[in-house]
Amino acid sequence: MLTHPRVLGAVRLSILKDDTTSPEKQRQAVEHWAAGPAVDGRIAGWAEDLDVSGAMHPFKRPGLGPWFNERADDWDVLAVWKLDRLSRKAGHFAEVFEWCQKHGKTIVSVTEGIDMSTPMGKMFAQIIAAFAEGELDTIRARALSGSAARKSKGVWIGGVEPFGYHFERQEGGGKKLVQDPAYAKLFGEIVERLKADGSAYRIALDLNKRGVATWRDHLRIVKGEEPRGVAWTANAIRAIVMNPTVAGLYTHKGENVVDENGENVQITESPLMDFAEWSEFVAVLKSDRPARRATPSRSMLGGVAICQACEGRMSSNKKVKSNGRVHHYYACNNVNTGTCTSPARIRRDDLDGVVGSFVNVTLGSLAVMERAGNSISQAKTELAEAESTLDRLERDYLAGRFKTDVQVERYWGQHEFQSAKVERLREEIKAAEAAPAWRETGRTYSEEWAVKDDEQRRVFLQRHGITVSVGINEDQSRRVVCKMPELAEIANETGLHVPEGYWLIAPESEFILPARKAYKRK
């Protein structure tokens, strides 16, 4: 082991629940090990992957992957709570181990006492990794067997009801999942608010204020038990809407369960949301991650407005005057670093008003258009999965892994099914790419703007590529330029009618605000 190593802590959880503490436990274990006298290391960073299966390759995980690719020089030791937090696939584990050896890195499992810088540690690690893969295969087989029974009988055999569903006993025995009326309605409300550019944080605050019980507390109340009073959180909201169970798919440990043909297994005949609609909705949420903050912005344009001098972001600030009045303004983030030659500064009300005028007057009567490419993205994802399944089947066949007549028969059945699926998806993608890339929402920009709060407006601006830059003229007046490059693209591709004269001011408008005493810095 190196002296005073830089420790990269890796945290993984297959499925994140609103009351889970497992990520914190994993962090604490790694921190305790790193700070011990035998190691005396420092935490160089954290690679956190929540709602990520142990079957996903560590190099491809959103949290851990970049530490292998872009940040390999920033750490010496990869520390995990247990080896299965790194991977449940022996092959993946071997690749990571080989990479670490090649790059002079060490893997440590802090609770299992395995240090792979030692020969004994390497041996134990390989054994445990093999057991972890075997456990994953067993889980999958057991889940697939149970799901097959559910599918054939149309009943739910066991487990806690997923969000928005309750049990309905069948005459022939067993339980069927049907929609819970109250929470199916609540799910619909959450989806509509998110579609309207609402933030999960504000939705959670509102549900807590209204005293709406979380799903687990609701189940306790139904059983006559005392609720624990668990609060809604933004993470819980996002975990609910992005869970495939709301689209009627059966999952186990965060993974979709598939049948023998590789198709998703259904858990109910009446899902909370159609699968195609859910897939498109989730694709939008994932693409909006940079725009939707975990907590709301203090202002409409904080982090959106740009300083013309240095192209740096502007943030919202406030100053309390001697008379107690609070002065709110936007200022270039580089004002304190001295890296901006002419840092922009402007009253918050003034800039908010200018942007409001741009949307209401310049864009006001035009129809809001949205990209229609999210369904294509989902189809491409499914196509990649189907092609990968075909490749794996063919490799196994050529390697002679299908030995019995039954195995060969099942191979050809799966191969035929997946081949047909690939052809179908390719046709769907071809048709979708030939269709218009934009679709009307049925609302104008002024109508959209009127019903949104500052947080929703910030997301709206970023979603539609509207930029706002602020500069200072020689006479200390403020020059504000609002641009919407997307508008020209929409008009060219859809033939959107733009009234005569619009091209003089759109997709770019410039506003000059006279100098004010409050702008001048003393």
Protein backbone atom coordinates (compact mmCIF):
# COMPACT_ATOMS: atom_id res chain seq x y z
CA MET A 1 0.00 0.00 0.00
CA LEU A 2 1.22 3.48 -0.86
CA THR A 3 2.03 5.99 1.86
CA HIS A 4 -0.66 8.65 2.34
CA PRO A 5 -2.66 7.49 -0.73
CA ARG A 6 -5.28 9.53 -2.53
CA VAL A 7 -8.44 7.50 -2.05
CA LEU A 8 -11.32 7.37 -4.52
CA GLY A 9 -14.43 6.15 -2.71
CA ALA A 10 -16.92 4.23 -4.88
CA VAL A 11 -20.55 4.02 -3.75
CA ARG A 12 -23.17 1.98 -5.61
CA LEU A 13 -26.79 1.10 -4.91
CA SER A 14 -29.06 -0.87 -7.23
CA ILE A 15 -32.22 0.93 -6.23
CA LEU A 16 -32.60 4.12 -4.21
CA LYS A 17 -35.50 4.36 -1.78
CA ASP A 18 -36.67 7.46 0.09
CA ASP A 19 -35.63 6.02 3.45
CA THR A 20 -32.37 4.32 2.49
CA THR A 21 -29.17 4.97 4.42
CA SER A 22 -26.94 2.56 2.51
CA PRO A 23 -25.00 5.25 0.55
CA GLU A 24 -24.16 7.01 3.82
CA LYS A 25 -23.04 3.73 5.41
CA GLN A 26 -20.77 3.00 2.46
CA ARG A 27 -19.25 6.49 2.66
CA GLN A 28 -18.67 6.24 6.40
CA ALA A 29 -16.94 2.86 6.06
CA VAL A 30 -14.58 4.14 3.36
CA GLU A 31 -13.85 7.37 5.27
CA HIS A 32 -13.12 5.42 8.48
CA TRP A 33 -10.70 3.11 6.63
CA ALA A 34 -8.92 5.97 4.82
CA ALA A 35 -8.44 7.96 8.03
CA GLY A 36 -7.02 4.99 9.97
CA PRO A 37 -3.39 5.10 11.13
CA ALA A 38 -2.46 2.14 8.94
CA VAL A 39 -3.52 4.04 5.81
CA ASP A 40 -3.46 7.76 6.69
CA GLY A 41 -4.88 8.66 3.30
CA ARG A 42 -7.10 11.45 2.08
CA ILE A 43 -10.33 11.26 0.09
CA ALA A 44 -9.63 12.49 -3.44
CA GLY A 45 -13.26 12.23 -4.51
CA TRP A 46 -16.42 10.15 -4.60
CA ALA A 47 -17.87 8.12 -7.47
CA GLU A 48 -21.53 7.74 -6.55
CA ASP A 49 -23.87 5.56 -8.64
CA LEU A 50 -27.40 5.27 -7.27
CA ASP A 51 -30.07 3.25 -9.09
CA VAL A 52 -27.25 1.48 -10.96
CA SER A 53 -27.14 -2.30 -11.33
CA GLY A 54 -24.12 -4.34 -10.32
CA ALA A 55 -24.23 -5.84 -13.81
CA MET A 56 -23.32 -2.50 -15.44
CA HIS A 57 -19.66 -2.29 -16.41
CA PRO A 58 -17.76 -0.01 -13.99
CA PHE A 59 -16.17 1.80 -16.95
CA LYS A 60 -19.66 2.77 -18.16
CA ARG A 61 -21.17 3.85 -14.85
CA PRO A 62 -22.03 7.59 -14.83
CA GLY A 63 -20.34 8.22 -11.49
CA LEU A 64 -17.34 5.89 -11.59
CA GLY A 65 -16.61 5.78 -15.33
CA PRO A 66 -15.09 9.30 -15.64
CA TRP A 67 -12.55 8.47 -12.90
CA PHE A 68 -11.08 5.78 -15.18
CA ASN A 69 -11.24 7.84 -18.36
CA GLU A 70 -10.72 11.55 -17.60
CA ARG A 71 -9.50 11.61 -13.99
CA ALA A 72 -7.15 8.64 -13.73
CA ASP A 73 -4.31 10.84 -12.46
CA ASP A 74 -6.33 12.13 -9.48
CA TRP A 75 -6.32 8.99 -7.30
CA ASP A 76 -4.19 6.03 -6.16
CA VAL A 77 -6.58 3.66 -4.38
CA LEU A 78 -10.14 2.65 -5.32
CA ALA A 79 -11.92 1.87 -2.05
CA VAL A 80 -15.32 0.19 -1.84
CA TRP A 81 -17.52 -0.96 1.01
CA LYS A 82 -17.64 -4.49 -0.45
CA LEU A 83 -16.39 -5.86 -3.76
CA ASP A 84 -19.94 -6.32 -5.08
CA ARG A 85 -20.28 -2.50 -4.89
CA LEU A 86 -17.62 -2.40 -7.63
CA SER A 87 -19.19 -5.09 -9.82
CA ARG A 88 -21.17 -8.31 -9.68
CA LYS A 89 -19.63 -9.58 -12.91
CA ALA A 90 -16.37 -11.51 -12.63
CA GLY A 91 -15.41 -10.53 -16.17
CA HIS A 92 -15.95 -6.83 -15.46
CA PHE A 93 -14.05 -7.13 -12.20
CA ALA A 94 -11.10 -8.76 -13.99
CA GLU A 95 -11.01 -5.90 -16.54
CA VAL A 96 -10.99 -3.27 -13.79
CA PHE A 97 -8.28 -5.17 -11.91
CA GLU A 98 -6.16 -5.42 -15.07
CA TRP A 99 -6.63 -1.69 -15.74
CA CYS A 100 -5.58 -0.84 -12.18
CA GLN A 101 -2.46 -2.99 -12.42
CA LYS A 102 -1.52 -1.34 -15.71
CA HIS A 103 -2.00 2.17 -14.28
CA GLY A 104 -0.44 1.57 -10.86
CA LYS A 105 -3.72 1.64 -8.91
CA THR A 106 -4.94 -0.52 -6.02
CA ILE A 107 -8.42 -1.85 -5.18
CA VAL A 108 -9.44 -2.20 -1.53
CA SER A 109 -12.61 -3.66 0.01
CA VAL A 110 -12.72 -1.96 3.40
CA THR A 111 -15.22 -4.24 5.20
CA GLU A 112 -13.93 -7.50 3.73
CA GLY A 113 -10.32 -6.63 4.54
CA ILE A 114 -9.12 -7.21 0.99
CA ASP A 115 -6.12 -5.23 -0.23
CA MET A 116 -5.34 -6.16 -3.82
CA SER A 117 -1.82 -4.82 -3.57
CA THR A 118 -1.01 -8.13 -1.82
CA PRO A 119 -0.96 -11.63 -3.42
CA MET A 120 -3.46 -12.98 -0.85
CA GLY A 121 -5.78 -10.04 -1.47
CA LYS A 122 -5.73 -10.68 -5.23
CA MET A 123 -6.69 -14.32 -4.72
CA PHE A 124 -9.58 -13.62 -2.33
CA ALA A 125 -10.85 -10.83 -4.57
CA GLN A 126 -11.11 -13.12 -7.60
CA ILE A 127 -12.97 -15.75 -5.54
CA ILE A 128 -15.45 -13.23 -4.13
CA ALA A 129 -16.02 -11.70 -7.57
CA ALA A 130 -16.89 -15.14 -8.96
CA PHE A 131 -19.37 -15.71 -6.11
CA ALA A 132 -20.90 -12.26 -6.71
CA GLU A 133 -21.52 -13.09 -10.38
CA GLY A 134 -23.03 -16.41 -9.39
CA GLU A 135 -25.32 -14.62 -6.95
CA LEU A 136 -26.41 -12.19 -9.69
CA ASP A 137 -27.22 -15.09 -12.04
CA THR A 138 -29.19 -16.81 -9.28
CA ILE A 139 -31.15 -13.64 -8.54
CA ARG A 140 -31.95 -13.20 -12.22
CA ALA A 141 -33.02 -16.80 -12.64
CA ARG A 142 -35.22 -16.69 -9.54
CA ALA A 143 -36.75 -13.37 -10.55
CA LEU A 144 -37.36 -14.62 -14.10
CA SER A 145 -39.01 -17.79 -12.84
CA GLY A 146 -41.30 -15.85 -10.51
CA SER A 147 -42.13 -13.27 -13.14
CA ALA A 148 -43.02 -16.01 -15.64
CA ALA A 149 -45.53 -17.39 -13.16
CA ARG A 150 -46.96 -13.91 -12.62
CA LYS A 151 -47.23 -13.36 -16.35
CA SER A 152 -48.97 -16.68 -17.01
CA LYS A 153 -51.41 -16.33 -14.08
CA GLY A 154 -51.81 -12.56 -14.16
CA VAL A 155 -51.18 -12.38 -10.42
CA TRP A 156 -48.63 -10.84 -8.05
CA ILE A 157 -46.94 -13.54 -5.99
CA GLY A 158 -45.07 -11.47 -3.41
CA GLY A 159 -43.19 -8.34 -2.44
CA VAL A 160 -44.13 -4.81 -1.44
CA GLU A 161 -46.56 -3.01 -3.72
CA PRO A 162 -44.72 -0.63 -6.06
CA PHE A 163 -45.69 3.04 -6.02
CA GLY A 164 -49.25 3.70 -7.17
CA TYR A 165 -50.52 0.10 -7.08
CA HIS A 166 -52.37 -2.03 -4.56
CA PHE A 167 -53.24 -5.72 -4.34
CA GLU A 168 -56.52 -7.10 -5.59
CA ARG A 169 -57.21 -10.71 -4.69
CA GLN A 170 -58.27 -13.03 -7.49
CA GLU A 171 -61.01 -15.65 -7.31
CA GLY A 172 -58.63 -18.44 -8.26
CA GLY A 173 -56.10 -17.33 -5.63
CA GLY A 174 -53.18 -14.98 -5.67
CA LYS A 175 -53.07 -11.19 -5.88
CA LYS A 176 -53.18 -8.88 -8.86
CA LEU A 177 -51.72 -5.37 -9.03
CA VAL A 178 -54.17 -2.61 -9.90
CA GLN A 179 -53.92 1.15 -9.69
CA ASP A 180 -54.33 2.80 -6.30
CA PRO A 181 -56.84 5.58 -7.16
CA ALA A 182 -55.40 8.24 -4.82
CA TYR A 183 -51.75 7.70 -5.64
CA ALA A 184 -52.37 7.09 -9.35
CA LYS A 185 -53.95 10.56 -9.36
CA LEU A 186 -51.00 11.93 -7.37
CA PHE A 187 -48.59 10.40 -9.89
CA GLY A 188 -50.46 12.11 -12.70
CA GLU A 189 -50.19 15.43 -10.86
CA ILE A 190 -46.42 15.00 -10.36
CA VAL A 191 -45.89 14.17 -14.04
CA GLU A 192 -47.91 17.15 -15.23
CA ARG A 193 -46.02 19.52 -12.93
CA LEU A 194 -42.68 18.19 -14.16
CA LYS A 195 -43.83 18.51 -17.76
CA ALA A 196 -44.68 22.15 -17.01
CA ASP A 197 -41.02 22.77 -16.07
CA GLY A 198 -41.68 22.38 -12.36
CA SER A 199 -38.83 21.20 -10.14
CA ALA A 200 -38.91 18.01 -8.06
CA TYR A 201 -37.75 20.10 -5.10
CA ARG A 202 -40.81 22.38 -5.20
CA ILE A 203 -43.13 19.43 -5.69
CA ALA A 204 -41.64 17.74 -2.61
CA LEU A 205 -42.05 20.94 -0.58
CA ASP A 206 -45.68 21.23 -1.65
CA LEU A 207 -46.51 17.60 -0.82
CA ASN A 208 -44.93 17.98 2.61
CA LYS A 209 -46.87 21.21 3.19
CA ARG A 210 -50.13 19.50 2.19
CA GLY A 211 -49.40 16.63 4.56
CA VAL A 212 -49.46 13.98 1.82
CA ALA A 213 -47.99 10.74 3.14
CA THR A 214 -45.09 9.17 1.24
CA TRP A 215 -45.86 5.85 -0.40
CA ARG A 216 -44.29 3.73 2.35
CA ASP A 217 -46.15 5.68 5.04
CA HIS A 218 -49.35 5.30 3.02
CA LEU A 219 -48.88 1.51 3.02
CA ARG A 220 -48.33 1.58 6.79
CA ILE A 221 -51.52 3.61 7.28
CA VAL A 222 -53.51 1.17 5.12
CA LYS A 223 -52.26 -1.70 7.32
CA GLY A 224 -53.29 0.17 10.45
CA GLU A 225 -49.69 0.87 11.47
CA GLU A 226 -48.21 4.12 12.73
CA PRO A 227 -46.60 6.15 9.90
CA ARG A 228 -42.95 7.12 10.38
CA GLY A 229 -43.44 10.64 9.07
CA VAL A 230 -40.85 10.28 6.29
CA ALA A 231 -40.71 13.52 4.29
CA TRP A 232 -40.86 13.81 0.52
CA THR A 233 -37.58 14.71 -1.14
CA ALA A 234 -36.58 15.76 -4.66
CA ASN A 235 -34.65 12.48 -5.04
CA ALA A 236 -37.72 10.47 -4.01
CA ILE A 237 -39.85 12.30 -6.61
CA ARG A 238 -37.34 11.63 -9.38
CA ALA A 239 -36.87 7.98 -8.30
CA ILE A 240 -40.63 7.41 -8.50
CA VAL A 241 -41.21 8.87 -11.96
CA MET A 242 -38.09 7.26 -13.44
CA ASN A 243 -38.85 3.79 -12.07
CA PRO A 244 -40.02 1.44 -14.88
CA THR A 245 -42.71 0.01 -12.58
CA VAL A 246 -44.90 3.08 -13.19
CA ALA A 247 -44.93 2.00 -16.86
CA GLY A 248 -45.94 -1.51 -15.80
CA LEU A 249 -42.53 -3.20 -16.08
CA TYR A 250 -41.31 -5.70 -13.53
CA THR A 251 -37.94 -4.89 -11.96
CA HIS A 252 -35.66 -6.62 -9.50
CA LYS A 253 -32.81 -4.81 -7.72
CA GLY A 254 -33.11 -1.92 -10.14
CA GLU A 255 -32.98 -4.12 -13.28
CA ASN A 256 -35.79 -4.82 -15.72
CA VAL A 257 -36.75 -8.50 -15.65
CA VAL A 258 -37.02 -10.00 -19.14
CA ASP A 259 -38.59 -13.20 -20.43
CA GLU A 260 -36.84 -15.93 -22.41
CA ASN A 261 -37.04 -13.79 -25.55
CA GLY A 262 -35.45 -10.81 -23.84
CA GLU A 263 -38.70 -8.82 -23.63
CA ASN A 264 -39.69 -6.81 -20.56
CA VAL A 265 -42.11 -8.59 -18.22
CA GLN A 266 -45.31 -6.73 -17.32
CA ILE A 267 -46.47 -6.47 -13.69
CA THR A 268 -49.96 -5.15 -14.41
CA GLU A 269 -52.49 -4.74 -17.17
CA SER A 270 -53.21 -1.14 -16.08
CA PRO A 271 -49.91 0.76 -15.67
CA LEU A 272 -49.85 4.31 -14.31
CA MET A 273 -48.36 5.50 -17.60
CA ASP A 274 -48.08 4.07 -21.10
CA PHE A 275 -44.58 2.70 -21.71
CA ALA A 276 -43.95 4.74 -24.87
CA GLU A 277 -45.10 7.95 -23.17
CA TRP A 278 -43.05 7.14 -20.07
CA SER A 279 -39.92 6.45 -22.12
CA GLU A 280 -40.20 9.80 -23.88
CA PHE A 281 -40.93 11.59 -20.59
CA VAL A 282 -37.87 10.06 -18.90
CA ALA A 283 -35.70 10.99 -21.89
CA VAL A 284 -36.78 14.63 -21.46
CA LEU A 285 -36.07 14.55 -17.71
CA LYS A 286 -32.58 13.13 -18.28
CA SER A 287 -31.79 15.72 -20.94
CA ASP A 288 -32.99 18.49 -18.58
CA ARG A 289 -30.70 17.52 -15.67
CA PRO A 290 -28.37 20.52 -16.03
CA ALA A 291 -31.35 22.87 -16.15
CA ARG A 292 -33.33 21.41 -13.25
CA ARG A 293 -31.48 22.04 -10.03
CA ALA A 294 -31.91 19.90 -6.92
CA THR A 295 -32.91 23.08 -5.08
CA PRO A 296 -34.51 26.06 -6.79
CA SER A 297 -32.52 29.06 -7.91
CA ARG A 298 -32.91 32.21 -5.83
CA SER A 299 -33.70 34.09 -9.02
CA MET A 300 -34.95 33.61 -12.56
CA LEU A 301 -31.67 34.32 -14.34
CA GLY A 302 -29.02 33.24 -11.83
CA GLY A 303 -26.66 30.96 -13.75
CA VAL A 304 -28.47 31.76 -17.01
CA ALA A 305 -27.38 35.35 -17.74
CA ILE A 306 -23.88 35.78 -19.18
CA CYS A 307 -21.38 38.65 -18.86
CA GLN A 308 -20.56 39.95 -22.36
CA ALA A 309 -17.00 40.91 -21.38
CA CYS A 310 -15.78 37.49 -20.22
CA GLU A 311 -18.69 35.17 -21.14
CA GLY A 312 -18.82 34.07 -17.51
CA ARG A 313 -22.06 33.25 -15.72
CA MET A 314 -23.85 35.87 -13.63
CA SER A 315 -25.38 35.09 -10.25
CA SER A 316 -27.96 36.80 -8.08
CA ASN A 317 -26.69 38.90 -5.17
CA LYS A 318 -28.15 41.28 -2.65
CA LYS A 319 -26.99 44.30 -0.68
CA VAL A 320 -28.71 45.71 2.40
CA LYS A 321 -28.60 49.49 2.44
CA SER A 322 -28.29 51.67 5.55
CA ASN A 323 -32.04 52.35 5.52
CA GLY A 324 -32.75 48.61 5.60
CA ARG A 325 -33.84 48.31 1.99
CA VAL A 326 -32.54 45.26 0.14
CA HIS A 327 -31.01 45.82 -3.29
CA HIS A 328 -31.07 42.70 -5.53
CA TYR A 329 -28.81 42.55 -8.56
CA TYR A 330 -27.06 40.19 -10.96
CA ALA A 331 -23.26 40.34 -11.15
CA CYS A 332 -20.55 38.58 -13.13
CA ASN A 333 -19.14 35.67 -11.13
CA ASN A 334 -15.60 36.78 -12.04
CA VAL A 335 -15.99 40.20 -10.38
CA ASN A 336 -14.01 39.07 -7.32
CA THR A 337 -11.29 37.16 -9.17
CA GLY A 338 -10.09 40.04 -11.33
CA THR A 339 -10.28 37.87 -14.46
CA CYS A 340 -12.99 40.00 -16.11
CA THR A 341 -11.98 43.36 -17.65
CA SER A 342 -15.47 44.85 -17.40
CA PRO A 343 -17.67 42.73 -15.11
CA ALA A 344 -21.37 43.18 -15.80
CA ARG A 345 -23.75 44.23 -13.05
CA ILE A 346 -27.46 45.02 -13.36
CA ARG A 347 -30.56 45.33 -11.18
CA ARG A 348 -32.40 42.03 -10.94
CA ASP A 349 -35.83 43.59 -11.64
CA ASP A 350 -34.45 45.39 -14.70
CA LEU A 351 -32.97 42.27 -16.28
CA ASP A 352 -35.96 40.09 -15.40
CA GLY A 353 -38.19 42.71 -17.00
CA VAL A 354 -36.12 42.84 -20.19
CA VAL A 355 -36.23 39.06 -20.60
CA GLY A 356 -39.97 39.10 -19.90
CA SER A 357 -40.41 41.68 -22.68
CA PHE A 358 -38.37 39.56 -25.08
CA VAL A 359 -40.57 36.53 -24.45
CA ASN A 360 -43.91 38.37 -24.30
CA VAL A 361 -43.37 40.88 -27.11
CA THR A 362 -40.73 39.49 -29.44
CA LEU A 363 -41.85 35.86 -29.19
CA GLY A 364 -45.27 36.35 -27.61
CA SER A 365 -47.72 35.34 -30.34
CA LEU A 366 -45.56 32.59 -31.85
CA ALA A 367 -46.44 28.94 -31.18
CA VAL A 368 -44.15 27.10 -28.78
CA MET A 369 -42.56 24.14 -30.52
CA GLU A 370 -40.89 21.15 -28.88
CA ARG A 371 -38.42 18.66 -30.26
CA ALA A 372 -39.96 15.34 -31.23
CA GLY A 373 -36.75 13.31 -31.14
CA ASN A 374 -36.99 11.77 -27.67
CA SER A 375 -38.93 8.73 -28.91
CA ILE A 376 -36.16 8.17 -31.45
CA SER A 377 -33.60 8.17 -28.62
CA GLN A 378 -35.57 5.52 -26.76
CA ALA A 379 -35.92 3.38 -29.89
CA LYS A 380 -32.16 3.67 -30.52
CA THR A 381 -31.49 2.56 -26.94
CA GLU A 382 -33.75 -0.48 -27.39
CA LEU A 383 -32.09 -1.22 -30.75
CA ALA A 384 -28.62 -1.17 -29.18
CA GLU A 385 -29.80 -3.55 -26.45
CA ALA A 386 -31.38 -5.93 -28.98
CA GLU A 387 -28.26 -5.91 -31.18
CA SER A 388 -26.10 -6.54 -28.11
CA THR A 389 -28.31 -9.50 -27.16
CA LEU A 390 -27.97 -10.91 -30.68
CA ASP A 391 -24.19 -10.50 -30.57
CA ARG A 392 -24.01 -12.28 -27.22
CA LEU A 393 -26.22 -15.15 -28.42
CA GLU A 394 -24.13 -15.62 -31.54
CA ARG A 395 -20.84 -15.54 -29.60
CA ASP A 396 -22.15 -18.15 -27.17
CA TYR A 397 -23.38 -20.31 -30.07
CA LEU A 398 -20.05 -20.15 -31.89
CA ALA A 399 -18.25 -20.94 -28.61
CA GLY A 400 -20.29 -24.15 -28.33
CA ARG A 401 -22.08 -23.17 -25.11
CA PHE A 402 -25.44 -24.52 -26.35
CA LYS A 403 -24.90 -28.26 -26.10
CA THR A 404 -28.28 -29.94 -25.61
CA ASP A 405 -31.18 -30.04 -28.08
CA VAL A 406 -33.29 -27.92 -25.71
CA GLN A 407 -30.56 -25.26 -25.46
CA VAL A 408 -30.15 -25.14 -29.24
CA GLU A 409 -33.92 -24.89 -29.72
CA ARG A 410 -34.14 -22.01 -27.26
CA TYR A 411 -31.18 -20.32 -28.95
CA TRP A 412 -32.89 -20.28 -32.34
CA GLY A 413 -36.15 -19.09 -30.76
CA GLN A 414 -34.41 -16.17 -29.04
CA HIS A 415 -32.34 -15.41 -32.14
CA GLU A 416 -35.44 -15.25 -34.34
CA PHE A 417 -37.28 -13.06 -31.85
CA GLN A 418 -34.39 -10.60 -31.38
CA SER A 419 -33.73 -10.45 -35.14
CA ALA A 420 -37.35 -9.52 -35.76
CA LYS A 421 -37.13 -6.90 -33.02
CA VAL A 422 -34.01 -5.35 -34.58
CA GLU A 423 -35.74 -5.12 -37.97
CA ARG A 424 -38.84 -3.56 -36.41
CA LEU A 425 -36.86 -0.97 -34.45
CA ARG A 426 -34.76 -0.04 -37.47
CA GLU A 427 -37.94 0.63 -39.44
CA GLU A 428 -39.40 2.68 -36.59
CA ILE A 429 -36.25 4.79 -36.33
CA LYS A 430 -36.15 5.30 -40.09
CA ALA A 431 -39.78 6.46 -40.11
CA ALA A 432 -39.27 8.69 -37.06
CA GLU A 433 -36.19 10.36 -38.57
CA ALA A 434 -38.16 11.12 -41.73
CA ALA A 435 -40.94 12.75 -39.66
CA PRO A 436 -40.81 16.44 -38.62
CA ALA A 437 -38.30 17.14 -35.85
CA TRP A 438 -40.64 19.66 -34.17
CA ARG A 439 -44.21 19.55 -32.93
CA GLU A 440 -46.61 22.23 -31.71
CA THR A 441 -47.64 22.37 -28.07
CA GLY A 442 -50.81 24.36 -28.75
CA ARG A 443 -49.61 27.31 -26.65
CA THR A 444 -47.86 30.59 -27.42
CA TYR A 445 -44.72 31.87 -25.69
CA SER A 446 -46.66 34.55 -23.82
CA GLU A 447 -49.20 31.97 -22.60
CA GLU A 448 -46.42 29.67 -21.37
CA TRP A 449 -44.62 32.54 -19.66
CA ALA A 450 -47.72 33.76 -17.83
CA VAL A 451 -48.34 30.52 -15.94
CA LYS A 452 -44.76 29.86 -14.81
CA ASP A 453 -42.91 30.94 -11.67
CA ASP A 454 -39.28 32.08 -11.71
CA GLU A 455 -37.88 28.56 -11.35
CA GLN A 456 -40.05 27.23 -14.18
CA ARG A 457 -39.11 30.20 -16.36
CA ARG A 458 -35.41 29.50 -15.82
CA VAL A 459 -35.89 25.90 -17.00
CA PHE A 460 -38.04 27.11 -19.91
CA LEU A 461 -35.32 29.52 -21.09
CA GLN A 462 -32.64 26.85 -20.97
CA ARG A 463 -34.82 24.21 -22.62
CA HIS A 464 -35.48 26.45 -25.61
CA GLY A 465 -31.91 27.68 -25.89
CA ILE A 466 -32.71 31.31 -25.07
CA THR A 467 -29.54 33.15 -24.01
CA VAL A 468 -29.22 36.44 -22.13
CA SER A 469 -25.99 38.49 -22.09
CA VAL A 470 -25.27 41.75 -20.27
CA GLY A 471 -22.63 44.34 -21.13
CA ILE A 472 -21.68 47.88 -20.05
CA ASN A 473 -21.43 50.79 -22.52
CA GLU A 474 -19.03 53.73 -22.13
CA ASP A 475 -21.84 55.91 -20.73
CA GLN A 476 -22.49 53.20 -18.08
CA SER A 477 -25.78 52.19 -19.68
CA ARG A 478 -26.51 48.47 -19.77
CA ARG A 479 -26.72 46.55 -23.04
CA VAL A 480 -28.80 43.38 -22.87
CA VAL A 481 -28.90 40.96 -25.80
CA CYS A 482 -31.48 38.15 -25.88
CA LYS A 483 -31.07 35.44 -28.49
CA MET A 484 -33.08 32.42 -29.55
CA PRO A 485 -31.16 30.59 -32.33
CA GLU A 486 -33.69 27.75 -32.11
CA LEU A 487 -36.39 29.95 -33.68
CA ALA A 488 -34.65 30.20 -37.05
CA GLU A 489 -34.11 26.42 -37.06
CA ILE A 490 -37.80 25.81 -36.32
CA ALA A 491 -38.93 28.19 -39.05
CA ASN A 492 -36.62 26.61 -41.63
CA GLU A 493 -37.62 23.04 -40.81
CA THR A 494 -41.36 23.45 -40.22
CA GLY A 495 -42.31 26.48 -42.28
CA LEU A 496 -43.48 28.23 -39.10
CA HIS A 497 -45.09 31.54 -40.09
CA VAL A 498 -43.21 34.48 -38.60
CA PRO A 499 -45.01 37.85 -38.98
CA GLU A 500 -43.36 40.45 -41.21
CA GLY A 501 -40.70 42.41 -39.36
CA TYR A 502 -39.90 39.67 -36.84
CA TRP A 503 -36.59 38.92 -38.48
CA LEU A 504 -35.46 42.46 -37.70
CA ILE A 505 -35.53 41.65 -34.00
CA ALA A 506 -35.68 37.86 -33.76
CA PRO A 507 -34.09 35.52 -33.05
CA GLU A 508 -31.99 38.30 -31.47
CA SER A 509 -33.06 41.46 -29.62
CA GLU A 510 -30.92 44.18 -28.03
CA PHE A 511 -32.09 46.38 -25.18
CA ILE A 512 -30.32 49.48 -23.81
CA LEU A 513 -31.01 50.39 -20.18
CA PRO A 514 -29.89 53.88 -19.07
CA ALA A 515 -27.28 54.22 -16.35
CA ARG A 516 -28.58 54.29 -12.80
CA LYS A 517 -26.86 55.50 -9.67
CA ALA A 518 -27.16 52.08 -8.08
CA TYR A 519 -25.07 50.56 -10.88
CA LYS A 520 -22.01 52.66 -10.13
CA ARG A 521 -19.56 51.02 -7.76
CA LYS A 522 -18.02 53.22 -5.12
